[in-house]
């Protein structure tokens, strides 16, 4: 299992980095779109109708991509004060419980978002002309990646891998 984790970690790291870049580009794109909307509304007196739904769609993507990367990097919200005052064995149990719940959450989000996408596919987003189900693509992908990244961290904890040490070994090789 340790060798598998060593082999897959660079792939997941590259995917995580790519997701951050895409999220950043989406954030810049949304900022430009909203800026154009404000310019159109107050200067041209003709606000583009596509700007709001498109900027919301981009926001959904960069939020979900960022959330998944946050799970991988362990920067999501948590109350660590209790965790730091208990013995290491209980800390490990708390970490495992937390990550199992995150995996279940990611899988549930993927499953139910897929059902929502299927149920709204025949509807059309009026201004964009896209199928309504496309609104749920960020949640489907984000939920999947949240589960995958949480599983990666869960496997590391279970097999006792020090991620920082493994990354240094890989970089040295």
C-alpha atoms as a PDB file:
ATOM      1  CA  UNK A   1       0.000   0.000   0.000  1.00  0.00           C
ATOM      2  CA  UNK A   2       2.881   2.342   0.794  1.00  0.00           C
ATOM      3  CA  UNK A   3       4.370   1.857  -2.689  1.00  0.00           C
ATOM      4  CA  UNK A   4       0.983   2.499  -4.270  1.00  0.00           C
ATOM      5  CA  UNK A   5       0.652   5.740  -2.316  1.00  0.00           C
ATOM      6  CA  UNK A   6       4.185   6.762  -3.339  1.00  0.00           C
ATOM      7  CA  UNK A   7       3.287   6.078  -6.966  1.00  0.00           C
ATOM      8  CA  UNK A   8      -0.045   7.880  -6.973  1.00  0.00           C
ATOM      9  CA  UNK A   9       0.926  10.911  -4.877  1.00  0.00           C
ATOM     10  CA  UNK A  10       2.666  12.785  -7.760  1.00  0.00           C
ATOM     11  CA  UNK A  11      -0.373  12.219  -9.972  1.00  0.00           C
ATOM     12  CA  UNK A  12      -2.749  13.521  -7.315  1.00  0.00           C
ATOM     13  CA  UNK A  13      -0.357  16.395  -6.582  1.00  0.00           C
ATOM     14  CA  UNK A  14      -0.322  17.383 -10.247  1.00  0.00           C
ATOM     15  CA  UNK A  15      -4.098  17.140 -10.432  1.00  0.00           C
ATOM     16  CA  UNK A  16      -4.407  19.267  -7.301  1.00  0.00           C
ATOM     17  CA  UNK A  17      -2.083  21.909  -8.750  1.00  0.00           C
ATOM     18  CA  UNK A  18      -3.999  21.895 -12.056  1.00  0.00           C
ATOM     19  CA  UNK A  19      -7.264  22.338 -10.175  1.00  0.00           C
ATOM     20  CA  UNK A  20      -5.809  25.357  -8.348  1.00  0.00           C
ATOM     21  CA  UNK A  21      -4.710  26.928 -11.633  1.00  0.00           C
ATOM     22  CA  UNK A  22      -8.133  26.343 -13.185  1.00  0.00           C
ATOM     23  CA  UNK A  23      -9.811  27.800 -10.085  1.00  0.00           C
ATOM     24  CA  UNK A  24      -7.567  30.859 -10.310  1.00  0.00           C
ATOM     25  CA  UNK A  25      -8.340  31.343 -13.997  1.00  0.00           C
ATOM     26  CA  UNK A  26     -12.047  30.950 -13.201  1.00  0.00           C
ATOM     27  CA  UNK A  27     -11.785  33.592 -10.496  1.00  0.00           C
ATOM     28  CA  UNK A  28     -10.077  36.003 -12.876  1.00  0.00           C
ATOM     29  CA  UNK A  29     -12.679  35.231 -15.551  1.00  0.00           C
ATOM     30  CA  UNK A  30     -15.535  35.838 -13.135  1.00  0.00           C
ATOM     31  CA  UNK A  31     -13.979  39.139 -12.049  1.00  0.00           C
ATOM     32  CA  UNK A  32     -13.670  40.262 -15.670  1.00  0.00           C
ATOM     33  CA  UNK A  33     -17.246  39.223 -16.451  1.00  0.00           C
ATOM     34  CA  UNK A  34     -18.655  41.056 -13.426  1.00  0.00           C
ATOM     35  CA  UNK A  35     -16.532  44.088 -14.326  1.00  0.00           C
ATOM     36  CA  UNK A  36     -17.981  44.002 -17.843  1.00  0.00           C
ATOM     37  CA  UNK A  37     -21.486  43.717 -16.398  1.00  0.00           C
ATOM     38  CA  UNK A  38     -20.952  46.790 -14.199  1.00  0.00           C
ATOM     39  CA  UNK A  39     -19.442  48.716 -17.119  1.00  0.00           C
ATOM     40  CA  UNK A  40     -22.341  47.705 -19.355  1.00  0.00           C
ATOM     41  CA  UNK A  41     -24.951  48.642 -16.777  1.00  0.00           C
ATOM     42  CA  UNK A  42     -23.591  52.006 -15.663  1.00  0.00           C
ATOM     43  CA  UNK A  43     -21.647  53.256 -18.679  1.00  0.00           C
ATOM     44  CA  UNK A  44     -23.360  51.713 -21.697  1.00  0.00           C
ATOM     45  CA  UNK A  45     -26.764  51.497 -20.014  1.00  0.00           C
ATOM     46  CA  UNK A  46     -27.061  48.008 -21.499  1.00  0.00           C
ATOM     47  CA  UNK A  47     -26.198  45.209 -19.110  1.00  0.00           C
ATOM     48  CA  UNK A  48     -25.271  41.920 -20.822  1.00  0.00           C
ATOM     49  CA  UNK A  49     -27.790  39.240 -19.902  1.00  0.00           C
ATOM     50  CA  UNK A  50     -25.263  36.369 -20.018  1.00  0.00           C
ATOM     51  CA  UNK A  51     -22.852  37.832 -17.475  1.00  0.00           C
ATOM     52  CA  UNK A  52     -24.620  36.906 -14.242  1.00  0.00           C
ATOM     53  CA  UNK A  53     -25.371  33.229 -14.963  1.00  0.00           C
ATOM     54  CA  UNK A  54     -21.916  32.685 -16.455  1.00  0.00           C
ATOM     55  CA  UNK A  55     -20.146  34.313 -13.505  1.00  0.00           C
ATOM     56  CA  UNK A  56     -22.186  32.192 -11.074  1.00  0.00           C
ATOM     57  CA  UNK A  57     -21.257  29.069 -13.038  1.00  0.00           C
ATOM     58  CA  UNK A  58     -17.564  29.970 -12.889  1.00  0.00           C
ATOM     59  CA  UNK A  59     -17.884  30.683  -9.174  1.00  0.00           C
ATOM     60  CA  UNK A  60     -19.352  27.216  -8.627  1.00  0.00           C
ATOM     61  CA  UNK A  61     -16.337  25.705 -10.348  1.00  0.00           C
ATOM     62  CA  UNK A  62     -13.652  27.568  -8.453  1.00  0.00           C
ATOM     63  CA  UNK A  63     -15.377  27.030  -5.112  1.00  0.00           C
ATOM     64  CA  UNK A  64     -15.649  23.265  -5.638  1.00  0.00           C
ATOM     65  CA  UNK A  65     -12.116  22.928  -7.016  1.00  0.00           C
ATOM     66  CA  UNK A  66     -10.763  24.961  -4.112  1.00  0.00           C
ATOM     67  CA  UNK A  67     -12.713  22.898  -1.589  1.00  0.00           C
ATOM     68  CA  UNK A  68     -11.262  19.673  -2.967  1.00  0.00           C
ATOM     69  CA  UNK A  69      -7.711  21.043  -2.858  1.00  0.00           C
ATOM     70  CA  UNK A  70      -8.396  22.256   0.681  1.00  0.00           C
ATOM     71  CA  UNK A  71      -9.216  18.696   1.703  1.00  0.00           C
ATOM     72  CA  UNK A  72      -5.993  17.409   0.165  1.00  0.00           C
ATOM     73  CA  UNK A  73      -3.885  20.103   1.788  1.00  0.00           C
ATOM     74  CA  UNK A  74      -5.756  19.751   5.103  1.00  0.00           C
ATOM     75  CA  UNK A  75      -6.632  23.439   5.242  1.00  0.00           C
ATOM     76  CA  UNK A  76     -10.369  23.003   5.600  1.00  0.00           C
ATOM     77  CA  UNK A  77     -12.103  24.310   8.695  1.00  0.00           C
ATOM     78  CA  UNK A  78     -11.800  22.319  11.863  1.00  0.00           C
ATOM     79  CA  UNK A  79     -11.709  22.635  15.623  1.00  0.00           C
ATOM     80  CA  UNK A  80      -8.248  21.409  16.527  1.00  0.00           C
ATOM     81  CA  UNK A  81      -8.263  22.615  20.120  1.00  0.00           C
ATOM     82  CA  UNK A  82      -9.797  19.376  21.410  1.00  0.00           C
ATOM     83  CA  UNK A  83      -7.604  17.263  19.141  1.00  0.00           C
ATOM     84  CA  UNK A  84      -4.398  18.752  20.526  1.00  0.00           C
ATOM     85  CA  UNK A  85      -5.188  17.976  24.169  1.00  0.00           C
ATOM     86  CA  UNK A  86      -5.971  14.273  23.731  1.00  0.00           C
ATOM     87  CA  UNK A  87      -3.448  11.414  23.479  1.00  0.00           C
ATOM     88  CA  UNK A  88      -2.034  10.527  20.010  1.00  0.00           C
ATOM     89  CA  UNK A  89      -4.126   7.348  19.753  1.00  0.00           C
ATOM     90  CA  UNK A  90      -7.335   9.361  20.143  1.00  0.00           C
ATOM     91  CA  UNK A  91      -5.998  12.002  17.738  1.00  0.00           C
ATOM     92  CA  UNK A  92      -5.509   9.291  15.123  1.00  0.00           C
ATOM     93  CA  UNK A  93      -9.035   7.958  15.749  1.00  0.00           C
ATOM     94  CA  UNK A  94     -10.436  11.476  15.415  1.00  0.00           C
ATOM     95  CA  UNK A  95      -8.533  12.010  12.156  1.00  0.00           C
ATOM     96  CA  UNK A  96      -9.748   8.699  10.724  1.00  0.00           C
ATOM     97  CA  UNK A  97     -13.349   9.413  11.730  1.00  0.00           C
ATOM     98  CA  UNK A  98     -13.179  12.891  10.238  1.00  0.00           C
ATOM     99  CA  UNK A  99     -11.725  11.653   6.952  1.00  0.00           C
ATOM    100  CA  UNK A 100     -14.243   8.801   6.653  1.00  0.00           C
ATOM    101  CA  UNK A 101     -17.024  11.371   7.077  1.00  0.00           C
ATOM    102  CA  UNK A 102     -15.429  13.613   4.443  1.00  0.00           C
ATOM    103  CA  UNK A 103     -15.214  10.675   2.008  1.00  0.00           C
ATOM    104  CA  UNK A 104     -18.878   9.864   2.621  1.00  0.00           C
ATOM    105  CA  UNK A 105     -19.812  13.511   2.163  1.00  0.00           C
ATOM    106  CA  UNK A 106     -17.916  13.716  -1.145  1.00  0.00           C
ATOM    107  CA  UNK A 107     -19.519  10.519  -2.430  1.00  0.00           C
ATOM    108  CA  UNK A 108     -22.996  11.661  -1.365  1.00  0.00           C
ATOM    109  CA  UNK A 109     -22.453  15.029  -3.036  1.00  0.00           C
ATOM    110  CA  UNK A 110     -21.372  13.285  -6.243  1.00  0.00           C
ATOM    111  CA  UNK A 111     -24.300  10.874  -6.197  1.00  0.00           C
ATOM    112  CA  UNK A 112     -27.036  13.392  -5.449  1.00  0.00           C
ATOM    113  CA  UNK A 113     -25.580  16.007  -7.796  1.00  0.00           C
ATOM    114  CA  UNK A 114     -25.618  13.399 -10.557  1.00  0.00           C
ATOM    115  CA  UNK A 115     -29.290  12.724  -9.840  1.00  0.00           C
ATOM    116  CA  UNK A 116     -30.012  16.456  -9.928  1.00  0.00           C
ATOM    117  CA  UNK A 117     -28.118  16.845 -13.207  1.00  0.00           C
ATOM    118  CA  UNK A 118     -30.084  13.985 -14.754  1.00  0.00           C
ATOM    119  CA  UNK A 119     -33.368  15.407 -13.491  1.00  0.00           C
ATOM    120  CA  UNK A 120     -32.716  18.902 -14.841  1.00  0.00           C
ATOM    121  CA  UNK A 121     -30.980  17.975 -18.085  1.00  0.00           C
ATOM    122  CA  UNK A 122     -34.056  18.575 -20.210  1.00  0.00           C
ATOM    123  CA  UNK A 123     -34.435  22.126 -18.884  1.00  0.00           C
ATOM    124  CA  UNK A 124     -32.460  24.884 -20.560  1.00  0.00           C
ATOM    125  CA  UNK A 125     -30.602  27.727 -18.895  1.00  0.00           C
ATOM    126  CA  UNK A 126     -32.428  30.560 -20.665  1.00  0.00           C
ATOM    127  CA  UNK A 127     -29.674  33.045 -21.389  1.00  0.00           C
ATOM    128  CA  UNK A 128     -26.848  30.594 -22.010  1.00  0.00           C
ATOM    129  CA  UNK A 129     -28.832  27.927 -23.849  1.00  0.00           C
ATOM    130  CA  UNK A 130     -27.083  25.126 -21.954  1.00  0.00           C
ATOM    131  CA  UNK A 131     -28.862  22.113 -20.495  1.00  0.00           C
ATOM    132  CA  UNK A 132     -29.880  22.765 -16.893  1.00  0.00           C
ATOM    133  CA  UNK A 133     -27.942  19.751 -15.677  1.00  0.00           C
ATOM    134  CA  UNK A 134     -24.642  21.465 -16.439  1.00  0.00           C
ATOM    135  CA  UNK A 135     -25.166  23.562 -13.305  1.00  0.00           C
ATOM    136  CA  UNK A 136     -24.357  20.460 -11.268  1.00  0.00           C
ATOM    137  CA  UNK A 137     -21.097  19.508 -13.030  1.00  0.00           C
ATOM    138  CA  UNK A 138     -18.942  21.434 -10.524  1.00  0.00           C
ATOM    139  CA  UNK A 139     -20.572  19.567  -7.630  1.00  0.00           C
ATOM    140  CA  UNK A 140     -20.177  16.201  -9.339  1.00  0.00           C
ATOM    141  CA  UNK A 141     -16.499  16.747 -10.070  1.00  0.00           C
ATOM    142  CA  UNK A 142     -15.823  18.530  -6.775  1.00  0.00           C
ATOM    143  CA  UNK A 143     -17.514  15.812  -4.722  1.00  0.00           C
ATOM    144  CA  UNK A 144     -15.518  13.142  -6.516  1.00  0.00           C
ATOM    145  CA  UNK A 145     -12.245  14.946  -5.928  1.00  0.00           C
ATOM    146  CA  UNK A 146     -13.102  15.635  -2.274  1.00  0.00           C
ATOM    147  CA  UNK A 147     -13.633  11.891  -1.793  1.00  0.00           C
ATOM    148  CA  UNK A 148     -10.432  10.970  -3.670  1.00  0.00           C
ATOM    149  CA  UNK A 149      -8.266  13.449  -1.758  1.00  0.00           C
ATOM    150  CA  UNK A 150      -9.804  12.437   1.582  1.00  0.00           C
ATOM    151  CA  UNK A 151      -9.115   8.782   0.722  1.00  0.00           C
ATOM    152  CA  UNK A 152      -5.502   9.687  -0.008  1.00  0.00           C
ATOM    153  CA  UNK A 153      -5.129  11.318   3.402  1.00  0.00           C
ATOM    154  CA  UNK A 154      -7.012   8.466   5.089  1.00  0.00           C
ATOM    155  CA  UNK A 155      -4.675   5.892   3.541  1.00  0.00           C
ATOM    156  CA  UNK A 156      -1.661   7.908   4.714  1.00  0.00           C
ATOM    157  CA  UNK A 157      -2.936   7.951   8.286  1.00  0.00           C
ATOM    158  CA  UNK A 158      -3.866   4.269   8.323  1.00  0.00           C
ATOM    159  CA  UNK A 159      -0.500   3.072   6.990  1.00  0.00           C
ATOM    160  CA  UNK A 160       1.401   5.627   9.058  1.00  0.00           C
ATOM    161  CA  UNK A 161       3.046   7.492   6.199  1.00  0.00           C
ATOM    162  CA  UNK A 162       4.664  10.826   6.942  1.00  0.00           C
ATOM    163  CA  UNK A 163       3.594  12.711   3.829  1.00  0.00           C
ATOM    164  CA  UNK A 164       6.214  15.452   4.203  1.00  0.00           C
ATOM    165  CA  UNK A 165       9.041  12.875   4.403  1.00  0.00           C
ATOM    166  CA  UNK A 166       7.726  10.961   1.361  1.00  0.00           C
ATOM    167  CA  UNK A 167       7.549  14.148  -0.691  1.00  0.00           C
ATOM    168  CA  UNK A 168      11.169  14.928   0.199  1.00  0.00           C
ATOM    169  CA  UNK A 169      12.250  11.403  -0.795  1.00  0.00           C
ATOM    170  CA  UNK A 170      10.445  11.725  -4.140  1.00  0.00           C
ATOM    171  CA  UNK A 171      11.978  15.134  -4.842  1.00  0.00           C
ATOM    172  CA  UNK A 172      15.468  13.812  -4.046  1.00  0.00           C
ATOM    173  CA  UNK A 173      15.041  10.877  -6.453  1.00  0.00           C
END
